[in-house]
Amino acid sequence: MKARLLEVLERLEPMLKMHGGGVELVEINELTGVVSVRMLGKCVGCPLSQLTLKGGIEAMLKEYVKEVTAVIAIN
């Protein structure tokens, strides 16, 4: 599961870097399907980071890694 998550996050990286941001995989709870990530760069504190997290990162991870139930950002 971790390898698939990292592959999807790698695909998202260019979009995030265009805006000066990034994302880092922190933890995977394989029992619940909850994935924890850390927003990086300009994504930290950005008012649109929640939209990026839920509408972009979480949506794509759920699409390609069926075990994912939610993605949360931690600091």
Protein backbone atom coordinates (compact mmCIF):
# COMPACT_ATOMS: atom_id res chain seq x y z
CA MET A 1 0.00 0.00 0.00
CA LYS A 2 2.80 2.42 0.87
CA ALA A 3 4.42 2.04 -2.55
CA ARG A 4 1.13 2.82 -4.31
CA LEU A 5 0.54 5.86 -2.09
CA LEU A 6 4.01 7.20 -2.81
CA GLU A 7 3.49 6.68 -6.54
CA VAL A 8 0.28 8.74 -6.52
CA LEU A 9 1.85 11.47 -4.38
CA GLU A 10 4.74 11.60 -6.84
CA ARG A 11 2.24 12.26 -9.65
CA LEU A 12 0.76 15.14 -7.65
CA GLU A 13 4.12 16.70 -6.83
CA PRO A 14 4.53 18.81 -10.03
CA MET A 15 1.13 20.48 -9.47
CA LEU A 16 2.01 21.32 -5.88
CA LYS A 17 5.51 22.53 -6.77
CA MET A 18 4.07 24.92 -9.37
CA HIS A 19 2.53 26.78 -6.44
CA GLY A 20 5.57 26.49 -4.18
CA GLY A 21 4.16 23.68 -2.09
CA GLY A 22 4.48 19.99 -1.52
CA VAL A 23 3.23 17.03 0.46
CA GLU A 24 4.97 14.34 2.50
CA LEU A 25 3.59 10.96 3.54
CA VAL A 26 3.75 10.69 7.34
CA GLU A 27 1.71 7.68 8.44
CA ILE A 28 -0.59 4.99 7.09
CA ASN A 29 -3.15 3.28 9.30
CA GLU A 30 -3.86 0.13 7.32
CA LEU A 31 -6.65 -0.91 9.72
CA THR A 32 -8.72 2.24 9.20
CA GLY A 33 -7.42 3.36 5.80
CA VAL A 34 -6.54 6.81 7.15
CA VAL A 35 -3.44 8.36 5.60
CA SER A 36 -1.62 11.22 7.36
CA VAL A 37 0.34 13.72 5.30
CA ARG A 38 2.30 16.88 6.00
CA MET A 39 1.75 19.87 3.75
CA LEU A 40 5.01 21.59 2.81
CA GLY A 41 6.22 24.94 1.53
CA LYS A 42 3.59 27.51 0.63
CA CYS A 43 0.83 24.97 1.31
CA VAL A 44 1.47 25.50 5.03
CA GLY A 45 -1.04 28.05 6.22
CA CYS A 46 -2.52 28.61 2.75
CA PRO A 47 -6.29 29.15 2.89
CA LEU A 48 -6.69 26.81 -0.10
CA SER A 49 -4.64 23.96 1.39
CA GLN A 50 -7.76 22.22 2.74
CA LEU A 51 -9.29 22.29 -0.75
CA THR A 52 -6.04 20.90 -2.17
CA LEU A 53 -5.98 18.22 0.52
CA LYS A 54 -9.58 17.02 0.14
CA GLY A 55 -10.36 17.83 -3.50
CA GLY A 56 -6.98 16.91 -4.92
CA ILE A 57 -4.80 14.71 -2.76
CA GLU A 58 -7.49 12.71 -0.97
CA ALA A 59 -9.61 12.28 -4.10
CA MET A 60 -6.70 10.97 -6.13
CA LEU A 61 -5.43 8.67 -3.39
CA LYS A 62 -8.92 7.19 -2.92
CA GLU A 63 -9.24 6.66 -6.67
CA TYR A 64 -5.95 4.80 -7.09
CA VAL A 65 -5.56 3.16 -3.67
CA LYS A 66 -8.96 1.69 -2.80
CA GLU A 67 -7.99 0.98 0.83
CA VAL A 68 -7.75 4.73 1.58
CA THR A 69 -10.78 6.01 3.50
CA ALA A 70 -9.51 9.49 4.44
CA VAL A 71 -6.47 11.74 4.24
CA ILE A 72 -5.62 14.11 7.08
CA ALA A 73 -2.96 16.79 7.33
CA ILE A 74 -0.76 16.95 10.39
CA ASN A 75 1.82 19.54 11.36
